[in-house]
């Protein structure tokens, strides 16, 4: 199998994920339920490294998982129940919002972009990360832009904002390429390595995490340089260097007083 690299082609910049709470049930009612049951149900994914995945012990881990644990600590003191029992609810990109809307889960712990249509289904916390859609390609393709992927097959998870962004970018740049729908990032990586698709589109940071799971990954040291960052950010994204200016502004806005 040929070596490949993550040649990141930015399609757009947008809020990449937030902690979804509830839409059909007022937050006060959800907090009362958590108080009465002394349990909080939180969704988790296994294919969203480094945001949400399973560690070697099959336990939830990742950037947003750590953030969720911190949020749970605040909720414990807010409602006067310490400690809360945490029930992790496995979900996919297709079932994450259903779990929240149906009451199966109280909070989503994932790499979810905030969109107007999604805001009709669930409520979002303040933003927790800013990213854009990128494309994973083989180093042999020498692709430096979306135009270089003309007449190629590009995999993308069906029903995601990445799918919409890719379609819009191809149309805007008048690039003819075949979009191949896949069910998960793992399936996308499998098809990519097998040569069934020429590229795979997803959130840029998720592509970095995905490439580490490849059978023959290529080092990204020359692209992403490490530096000292706040504890949680450094734990999961230290190798990417300092937060982008947009991300730093987002952190500042998140600290604004009520």
C-alpha atoms as a PDB file:
ATOM      1  CA  UNK A   1       0.000   0.000   0.000  1.00  0.00           C
ATOM      2  CA  UNK A   2       1.350   3.467  -0.854  1.00  0.00           C
ATOM      3  CA  UNK A   3       2.142   5.977   1.865  1.00  0.00           C
ATOM      4  CA  UNK A   4      -0.223   8.873   2.356  1.00  0.00           C
ATOM      5  CA  UNK A   5      -0.379  12.159   4.176  1.00  0.00           C
ATOM      6  CA  UNK A   6      -3.022  14.574   5.361  1.00  0.00           C
ATOM      7  CA  UNK A   7      -2.835  17.348   2.840  1.00  0.00           C
ATOM      8  CA  UNK A   8      -5.395  19.639   4.397  1.00  0.00           C
ATOM      9  CA  UNK A   9      -7.510  21.607   1.949  1.00  0.00           C
ATOM     10  CA  UNK A  10      -9.613  24.139   3.850  1.00  0.00           C
ATOM     11  CA  UNK A  11     -13.133  24.454   2.503  1.00  0.00           C
ATOM     12  CA  UNK A  12     -14.527  26.839   5.069  1.00  0.00           C
ATOM     13  CA  UNK A  13     -14.120  27.956   8.667  1.00  0.00           C
ATOM     14  CA  UNK A  14     -16.974  27.330  11.064  1.00  0.00           C
ATOM     15  CA  UNK A  15     -17.740  26.431  14.687  1.00  0.00           C
ATOM     16  CA  UNK A  16     -16.859  22.757  14.809  1.00  0.00           C
ATOM     17  CA  UNK A  17     -18.421  21.486  17.967  1.00  0.00           C
ATOM     18  CA  UNK A  18     -20.488  22.362  20.979  1.00  0.00           C
ATOM     19  CA  UNK A  19     -21.971  20.585  23.953  1.00  0.00           C
ATOM     20  CA  UNK A  20     -25.589  19.985  23.010  1.00  0.00           C
ATOM     21  CA  UNK A  21     -28.117  19.921  25.788  1.00  0.00           C
ATOM     22  CA  UNK A  22     -31.873  19.765  25.129  1.00  0.00           C
ATOM     23  CA  UNK A  23     -34.454  21.318  22.865  1.00  0.00           C
ATOM     24  CA  UNK A  24     -37.736  19.491  23.458  1.00  0.00           C
ATOM     25  CA  UNK A  25     -37.407  19.713  27.250  1.00  0.00           C
ATOM     26  CA  UNK A  26     -36.552  22.998  29.048  1.00  0.00           C
ATOM     27  CA  UNK A  27     -33.138  22.897  30.688  1.00  0.00           C
ATOM     28  CA  UNK A  28     -34.724  23.334  34.122  1.00  0.00           C
ATOM     29  CA  UNK A  29     -36.719  20.132  33.606  1.00  0.00           C
ATOM     30  CA  UNK A  30     -33.631  18.253  32.454  1.00  0.00           C
ATOM     31  CA  UNK A  31     -31.665  19.440  35.510  1.00  0.00           C
ATOM     32  CA  UNK A  32     -34.526  18.342  37.797  1.00  0.00           C
ATOM     33  CA  UNK A  33     -34.440  14.887  36.249  1.00  0.00           C
ATOM     34  CA  UNK A  34     -30.675  14.710  36.782  1.00  0.00           C
ATOM     35  CA  UNK A  35     -31.130  15.832  40.392  1.00  0.00           C
ATOM     36  CA  UNK A  36     -33.879  13.314  41.131  1.00  0.00           C
ATOM     37  CA  UNK A  37     -32.113  10.346  39.518  1.00  0.00           C
ATOM     38  CA  UNK A  38     -28.626  11.453  40.624  1.00  0.00           C
ATOM     39  CA  UNK A  39     -27.544  10.361  37.161  1.00  0.00           C
ATOM     40  CA  UNK A  40     -26.496  12.256  34.048  1.00  0.00           C
ATOM     41  CA  UNK A  41     -26.516  10.546  30.647  1.00  0.00           C
ATOM     42  CA  UNK A  42     -23.888  11.720  28.172  1.00  0.00           C
ATOM     43  CA  UNK A  43     -23.422  10.645  24.565  1.00  0.00           C
ATOM     44  CA  UNK A  44     -20.025   9.484  23.369  1.00  0.00           C
ATOM     45  CA  UNK A  45     -18.513   8.433  20.054  1.00  0.00           C
ATOM     46  CA  UNK A  46     -15.801   5.911  19.275  1.00  0.00           C
ATOM     47  CA  UNK A  47     -14.701   7.352  15.919  1.00  0.00           C
ATOM     48  CA  UNK A  48     -14.061  11.048  16.605  1.00  0.00           C
ATOM     49  CA  UNK A  49     -10.422  11.002  17.778  1.00  0.00           C
ATOM     50  CA  UNK A  50      -9.138  13.292  19.340  1.00  0.00           C
ATOM     51  CA  UNK A  51     -12.513  14.711  20.422  1.00  0.00           C
ATOM     52  CA  UNK A  52     -14.390  11.562  21.493  1.00  0.00           C
ATOM     53  CA  UNK A  53     -13.169   7.976  21.284  1.00  0.00           C
ATOM     54  CA  UNK A  54     -12.482   4.849  23.356  1.00  0.00           C
ATOM     55  CA  UNK A  55      -9.099   4.424  25.036  1.00  0.00           C
ATOM     56  CA  UNK A  56      -7.231   1.127  25.431  1.00  0.00           C
ATOM     57  CA  UNK A  57      -9.519   0.237  28.341  1.00  0.00           C
ATOM     58  CA  UNK A  58     -12.633   0.890  26.210  1.00  0.00           C
ATOM     59  CA  UNK A  59     -13.482   3.982  28.254  1.00  0.00           C
ATOM     60  CA  UNK A  60     -14.579   7.342  26.783  1.00  0.00           C
ATOM     61  CA  UNK A  61     -11.665   9.705  26.230  1.00  0.00           C
ATOM     62  CA  UNK A  62     -10.849  12.849  24.269  1.00  0.00           C
ATOM     63  CA  UNK A  63     -10.955  16.629  24.282  1.00  0.00           C
ATOM     64  CA  UNK A  64     -14.730  17.003  24.508  1.00  0.00           C
ATOM     65  CA  UNK A  65     -14.969  14.106  26.963  1.00  0.00           C
ATOM     66  CA  UNK A  66     -12.625  15.988  29.290  1.00  0.00           C
ATOM     67  CA  UNK A  67     -14.678  19.146  28.820  1.00  0.00           C
ATOM     68  CA  UNK A  68     -17.879  17.230  29.573  1.00  0.00           C
ATOM     69  CA  UNK A  69     -16.379  15.835  32.762  1.00  0.00           C
ATOM     70  CA  UNK A  70     -15.525  19.379  33.852  1.00  0.00           C
ATOM     71  CA  UNK A  71     -19.058  20.543  33.014  1.00  0.00           C
ATOM     72  CA  UNK A  72     -20.504  17.631  34.990  1.00  0.00           C
ATOM     73  CA  UNK A  73     -18.452  18.766  37.990  1.00  0.00           C
ATOM     74  CA  UNK A  74     -20.064  22.213  37.753  1.00  0.00           C
ATOM     75  CA  UNK A  75     -23.542  20.688  37.405  1.00  0.00           C
ATOM     76  CA  UNK A  76     -22.951  18.543  40.511  1.00  0.00           C
ATOM     77  CA  UNK A  77     -22.402  21.634  42.660  1.00  0.00           C
ATOM     78  CA  UNK A  78     -25.151  23.568  40.872  1.00  0.00           C
ATOM     79  CA  UNK A  79     -27.842  21.019  41.767  1.00  0.00           C
ATOM     80  CA  UNK A  80     -26.265  19.846  45.035  1.00  0.00           C
ATOM     81  CA  UNK A  81     -25.648  16.215  44.061  1.00  0.00           C
ATOM     82  CA  UNK A  82     -22.027  15.099  44.478  1.00  0.00           C
ATOM     83  CA  UNK A  83     -21.060  12.864  42.824  1.00  0.00           C
ATOM     84  CA  UNK A  84     -23.404  12.277  39.914  1.00  0.00           C
ATOM     85  CA  UNK A  85     -23.423   8.861  38.317  1.00  0.00           C
ATOM     86  CA  UNK A  86     -22.368   9.258  34.687  1.00  0.00           C
ATOM     87  CA  UNK A  87     -24.041   7.002  32.131  1.00  0.00           C
ATOM     88  CA  UNK A  88     -22.225   7.016  28.781  1.00  0.00           C
ATOM     89  CA  UNK A  89     -24.549   6.520  25.799  1.00  0.00           C
ATOM     90  CA  UNK A  90     -22.815   5.304  22.594  1.00  0.00           C
ATOM     91  CA  UNK A  91     -24.065   7.141  19.487  1.00  0.00           C
ATOM     92  CA  UNK A  92     -23.212   7.643  15.824  1.00  0.00           C
ATOM     93  CA  UNK A  93     -23.427  10.714  13.613  1.00  0.00           C
ATOM     94  CA  UNK A  94     -26.905   9.510  12.640  1.00  0.00           C
ATOM     95  CA  UNK A  95     -28.248   8.930  16.199  1.00  0.00           C
ATOM     96  CA  UNK A  96     -26.605  11.649  18.320  1.00  0.00           C
ATOM     97  CA  UNK A  97     -29.421  14.210  18.070  1.00  0.00           C
ATOM     98  CA  UNK A  98     -32.127  11.578  18.436  1.00  0.00           C
ATOM     99  CA  UNK A  99     -30.572  10.508  21.740  1.00  0.00           C
ATOM    100  CA  UNK A 100     -30.786  14.075  23.031  1.00  0.00           C
ATOM    101  CA  UNK A 101     -34.268  14.807  21.705  1.00  0.00           C
ATOM    102  CA  UNK A 102     -35.758  11.561  23.021  1.00  0.00           C
ATOM    103  CA  UNK A 103     -34.326  12.073  26.495  1.00  0.00           C
ATOM    104  CA  UNK A 104     -32.034   9.055  26.269  1.00  0.00           C
ATOM    105  CA  UNK A 105     -29.112  11.401  26.896  1.00  0.00           C
ATOM    106  CA  UNK A 106     -28.900  14.742  28.693  1.00  0.00           C
ATOM    107  CA  UNK A 107     -25.789  16.093  27.033  1.00  0.00           C
ATOM    108  CA  UNK A 108     -23.856  15.429  23.862  1.00  0.00           C
ATOM    109  CA  UNK A 109     -20.102  15.008  24.098  1.00  0.00           C
ATOM    110  CA  UNK A 110     -18.981  15.042  20.485  1.00  0.00           C
ATOM    111  CA  UNK A 111     -17.429  16.940  17.590  1.00  0.00           C
ATOM    112  CA  UNK A 112     -20.643  18.608  16.452  1.00  0.00           C
ATOM    113  CA  UNK A 113     -20.908  21.765  14.396  1.00  0.00           C
ATOM    114  CA  UNK A 114     -23.439  24.409  15.308  1.00  0.00           C
ATOM    115  CA  UNK A 115     -25.868  25.026  12.439  1.00  0.00           C
ATOM    116  CA  UNK A 116     -29.222  26.800  12.250  1.00  0.00           C
ATOM    117  CA  UNK A 117     -31.073  23.580  11.420  1.00  0.00           C
ATOM    118  CA  UNK A 118     -29.494  21.763  14.365  1.00  0.00           C
ATOM    119  CA  UNK A 119     -30.404  24.620  16.706  1.00  0.00           C
ATOM    120  CA  UNK A 120     -34.038  23.736  15.996  1.00  0.00           C
ATOM    121  CA  UNK A 121     -33.426  20.262  17.454  1.00  0.00           C
ATOM    122  CA  UNK A 122     -31.108  20.891  20.383  1.00  0.00           C
ATOM    123  CA  UNK A 123     -29.618  23.712  22.467  1.00  0.00           C
ATOM    124  CA  UNK A 124     -25.880  24.343  22.329  1.00  0.00           C
ATOM    125  CA  UNK A 125     -23.423  25.529  24.934  1.00  0.00           C
ATOM    126  CA  UNK A 126     -20.827  28.178  24.133  1.00  0.00           C
ATOM    127  CA  UNK A 127     -18.472  27.026  21.399  1.00  0.00           C
ATOM    128  CA  UNK A 128     -15.666  24.687  22.407  1.00  0.00           C
ATOM    129  CA  UNK A 129     -13.563  24.580  19.241  1.00  0.00           C
ATOM    130  CA  UNK A 130     -13.287  26.196  15.822  1.00  0.00           C
ATOM    131  CA  UNK A 131     -12.288  24.222  12.745  1.00  0.00           C
ATOM    132  CA  UNK A 132     -13.069  23.744   9.057  1.00  0.00           C
ATOM    133  CA  UNK A 133     -13.506  20.902   6.610  1.00  0.00           C
ATOM    134  CA  UNK A 134     -10.356  19.348   5.184  1.00  0.00           C
ATOM    135  CA  UNK A 135      -9.518  16.522   2.795  1.00  0.00           C
ATOM    136  CA  UNK A 136      -7.260  13.530   3.402  1.00  0.00           C
ATOM    137  CA  UNK A 137      -5.305  12.568   0.271  1.00  0.00           C
ATOM    138  CA  UNK A 138      -2.378  10.342  -0.661  1.00  0.00           C
ATOM    139  CA  UNK A 139       0.993  12.036  -0.875  1.00  0.00           C
ATOM    140  CA  UNK A 140       1.359  10.606  -4.395  1.00  0.00           C
ATOM    141  CA  UNK A 141      -1.576  12.700  -5.653  1.00  0.00           C
ATOM    142  CA  UNK A 142       0.323  15.965  -4.980  1.00  0.00           C
ATOM    143  CA  UNK A 143      -3.010  17.672  -4.337  1.00  0.00           C
ATOM    144  CA  UNK A 144      -2.650  21.179  -2.941  1.00  0.00           C
ATOM    145  CA  UNK A 145      -6.184  22.422  -3.539  1.00  0.00           C
ATOM    146  CA  UNK A 146      -9.673  21.150  -4.211  1.00  0.00           C
ATOM    147  CA  UNK A 147      -9.168  21.795  -7.925  1.00  0.00           C
ATOM    148  CA  UNK A 148      -6.469  19.092  -7.939  1.00  0.00           C
ATOM    149  CA  UNK A 149      -9.151  16.539  -7.001  1.00  0.00           C
ATOM    150  CA  UNK A 150     -11.133  17.026 -10.226  1.00  0.00           C
ATOM    151  CA  UNK A 151     -12.550  13.745 -11.575  1.00  0.00           C
ATOM    152  CA  UNK A 152     -11.589  11.982  -8.322  1.00  0.00           C
ATOM    153  CA  UNK A 153     -13.755  10.109  -5.809  1.00  0.00           C
ATOM    154  CA  UNK A 154     -14.077  11.903  -2.459  1.00  0.00           C
ATOM    155  CA  UNK A 155     -15.600  10.048   0.485  1.00  0.00           C
ATOM    156  CA  UNK A 156     -17.632  11.902   3.118  1.00  0.00           C
ATOM    157  CA  UNK A 157     -20.016  10.849   5.884  1.00  0.00           C
ATOM    158  CA  UNK A 158     -23.606  11.140   4.686  1.00  0.00           C
ATOM    159  CA  UNK A 159     -25.817  13.705   6.374  1.00  0.00           C
ATOM    160  CA  UNK A 160     -22.993  15.722   7.941  1.00  0.00           C
ATOM    161  CA  UNK A 161     -22.113  19.387   7.590  1.00  0.00           C
ATOM    162  CA  UNK A 162     -18.902  18.180   5.910  1.00  0.00           C
ATOM    163  CA  UNK A 163     -21.021  16.708   3.110  1.00  0.00           C
ATOM    164  CA  UNK A 164     -22.814  20.016   2.580  1.00  0.00           C
ATOM    165  CA  UNK A 165     -19.575  21.996   2.764  1.00  0.00           C
ATOM    166  CA  UNK A 166     -17.860  19.735   0.243  1.00  0.00           C
ATOM    167  CA  UNK A 167     -20.779  19.950  -2.184  1.00  0.00           C
ATOM    168  CA  UNK A 168     -20.867  23.745  -1.902  1.00  0.00           C
ATOM    169  CA  UNK A 169     -17.091  24.039  -2.360  1.00  0.00           C
ATOM    170  CA  UNK A 170     -17.081  21.798  -5.446  1.00  0.00           C
ATOM    171  CA  UNK A 171     -19.913  23.826  -6.956  1.00  0.00           C
ATOM    172  CA  UNK A 172     -18.282  27.167  -6.122  1.00  0.00           C
ATOM    173  CA  UNK A 173     -14.957  26.143  -7.646  1.00  0.00           C
ATOM    174  CA  UNK A 174     -16.649  24.388 -10.599  1.00  0.00           C
ATOM    175  CA  UNK A 175     -14.835  21.144  -9.805  1.00  0.00           C
ATOM    176  CA  UNK A 176     -16.271  17.892 -11.127  1.00  0.00           C
ATOM    177  CA  UNK A 177     -15.695  15.136  -8.591  1.00  0.00           C
ATOM    178  CA  UNK A 178     -17.715  12.165  -7.344  1.00  0.00           C
ATOM    179  CA  UNK A 179     -18.889  12.359  -3.736  1.00  0.00           C
ATOM    180  CA  UNK A 180     -19.032   8.884  -2.176  1.00  0.00           C
ATOM    181  CA  UNK A 181     -21.205   8.572   0.938  1.00  0.00           C
ATOM    182  CA  UNK A 182     -19.845   6.495   3.847  1.00  0.00           C
ATOM    183  CA  UNK A 183     -21.359   5.712   7.242  1.00  0.00           C
ATOM    184  CA  UNK A 184     -18.398   6.483   9.488  1.00  0.00           C
ATOM    185  CA  UNK A 185     -14.824   7.773   9.536  1.00  0.00           C
ATOM    186  CA  UNK A 186     -13.533   4.250  10.041  1.00  0.00           C
ATOM    187  CA  UNK A 187     -15.368   3.133   6.888  1.00  0.00           C
ATOM    188  CA  UNK A 188     -13.997   6.156   5.070  1.00  0.00           C
ATOM    189  CA  UNK A 189     -10.435   5.304   6.107  1.00  0.00           C
ATOM    190  CA  UNK A 190     -10.955   1.667   5.088  1.00  0.00           C
ATOM    191  CA  UNK A 191     -12.161   2.655   1.612  1.00  0.00           C
ATOM    192  CA  UNK A 192      -9.389   5.232   1.315  1.00  0.00           C
ATOM    193  CA  UNK A 193      -6.661   2.716   2.142  1.00  0.00           C
ATOM    194  CA  UNK A 194      -8.224   0.136  -0.184  1.00  0.00           C
ATOM    195  CA  UNK A 195      -8.170   2.627  -3.063  1.00  0.00           C
ATOM    196  CA  UNK A 196     -11.951   2.671  -3.463  1.00  0.00           C
ATOM    197  CA  UNK A 197     -11.880   6.463  -2.976  1.00  0.00           C
ATOM    198  CA  UNK A 198      -9.141   8.980  -3.754  1.00  0.00           C
ATOM    199  CA  UNK A 199      -9.739  11.287  -0.803  1.00  0.00           C
ATOM    200  CA  UNK A 200     -11.784  11.595   2.380  1.00  0.00           C
ATOM    201  CA  UNK A 201     -13.369  14.810   3.688  1.00  0.00           C
ATOM    202  CA  UNK A 202     -14.004  15.568   7.367  1.00  0.00           C
ATOM    203  CA  UNK A 203     -13.150  18.129  10.051  1.00  0.00           C
ATOM    204  CA  UNK A 204      -9.449  18.940   9.775  1.00  0.00           C
ATOM    205  CA  UNK A 205      -8.535  18.012  13.351  1.00  0.00           C
ATOM    206  CA  UNK A 206     -10.464  14.749  13.033  1.00  0.00           C
ATOM    207  CA  UNK A 207      -8.443  13.908   9.931  1.00  0.00           C
ATOM    208  CA  UNK A 208      -5.268  14.245  11.967  1.00  0.00           C
ATOM    209  CA  UNK A 209      -6.676  11.811  14.522  1.00  0.00           C
ATOM    210  CA  UNK A 210      -7.888   9.496  11.764  1.00  0.00           C
ATOM    211  CA  UNK A 211      -4.494   9.390  10.055  1.00  0.00           C
ATOM    212  CA  UNK A 212      -2.928   8.102  13.289  1.00  0.00           C
ATOM    213  CA  UNK A 213      -5.125   5.002  12.977  1.00  0.00           C
ATOM    214  CA  UNK A 214      -3.890   4.246   9.474  1.00  0.00           C
ATOM    215  CA  UNK A 215      -1.801   1.184   8.733  1.00  0.00           C
ATOM    216  CA  UNK A 216       0.970   3.317   7.269  1.00  0.00           C
ATOM    217  CA  UNK A 217       0.644   6.896   8.572  1.00  0.00           C
ATOM    218  CA  UNK A 218       3.062   9.656   7.590  1.00  0.00           C
ATOM    219  CA  UNK A 219       4.450  12.010  10.225  1.00  0.00           C
ATOM    220  CA  UNK A 220       2.931  15.496  10.394  1.00  0.00           C
ATOM    221  CA  UNK A 221       5.680  17.138  12.418  1.00  0.00           C
ATOM    222  CA  UNK A 222       6.632  19.390   9.526  1.00  0.00           C
ATOM    223  CA  UNK A 223       3.087  20.774   9.394  1.00  0.00           C
ATOM    224  CA  UNK A 224       1.934  20.882  12.992  1.00  0.00           C
ATOM    225  CA  UNK A 225       4.439  22.143  15.615  1.00  0.00           C
ATOM    226  CA  UNK A 226       3.945  21.754  19.355  1.00  0.00           C
ATOM    227  CA  UNK A 227       3.959  24.504  21.981  1.00  0.00           C
ATOM    228  CA  UNK A 228       2.788  25.124  25.546  1.00  0.00           C
ATOM    229  CA  UNK A 229      -1.013  25.451  25.817  1.00  0.00           C
ATOM    230  CA  UNK A 230      -3.686  25.299  28.527  1.00  0.00           C
ATOM    231  CA  UNK A 231      -3.997  21.867  30.123  1.00  0.00           C
ATOM    232  CA  UNK A 232      -6.932  20.340  28.258  1.00  0.00           C
ATOM    233  CA  UNK A 233      -6.008  21.878  24.913  1.00  0.00           C
ATOM    234  CA  UNK A 234      -2.388  20.784  25.313  1.00  0.00           C
ATOM    235  CA  UNK A 235      -3.418  17.250  26.211  1.00  0.00           C
ATOM    236  CA  UNK A 236      -5.256  16.689  22.954  1.00  0.00           C
ATOM    237  CA  UNK A 237      -3.934  19.318  20.540  1.00  0.00           C
ATOM    238  CA  UNK A 238      -0.477  20.192  21.817  1.00  0.00           C
ATOM    239  CA  UNK A 239       1.113  18.723  18.697  1.00  0.00           C
ATOM    240  CA  UNK A 240      -0.886  21.153  16.548  1.00  0.00           C
ATOM    241  CA  UNK A 241       0.765  24.210  18.085  1.00  0.00           C
ATOM    242  CA  UNK A 242      -0.907  27.274  19.603  1.00  0.00           C
ATOM    243  CA  UNK A 243      -4.630  27.763  19.103  1.00  0.00           C
ATOM    244  CA  UNK A 244      -5.514  29.754  16.005  1.00  0.00           C
ATOM    245  CA  UNK A 245      -6.380  33.439  16.502  1.00  0.00           C
ATOM    246  CA  UNK A 246     -10.040  32.611  15.888  1.00  0.00           C
ATOM    247  CA  UNK A 247      -9.935  29.837  18.494  1.00  0.00           C
ATOM    248  CA  UNK A 248      -8.216  32.123  21.022  1.00  0.00           C
ATOM    249  CA  UNK A 249     -10.933  34.744  20.466  1.00  0.00           C
ATOM    250  CA  UNK A 250     -13.547  32.017  21.006  1.00  0.00           C
ATOM    251  CA  UNK A 251     -11.947  31.115  24.344  1.00  0.00           C
ATOM    252  CA  UNK A 252     -11.996  34.768  25.391  1.00  0.00           C
ATOM    253  CA  UNK A 253     -15.654  35.142  24.429  1.00  0.00           C
ATOM    254  CA  UNK A 254     -16.449  32.011  26.395  1.00  0.00           C
ATOM    255  CA  UNK A 255     -15.151  33.682  29.540  1.00  0.00           C
ATOM    256  CA  UNK A 256     -17.431  36.714  29.255  1.00  0.00           C
ATOM    257  CA  UNK A 257     -19.470  37.300  32.432  1.00  0.00           C
ATOM    258  CA  UNK A 258     -23.175  36.548  32.428  1.00  0.00           C
END
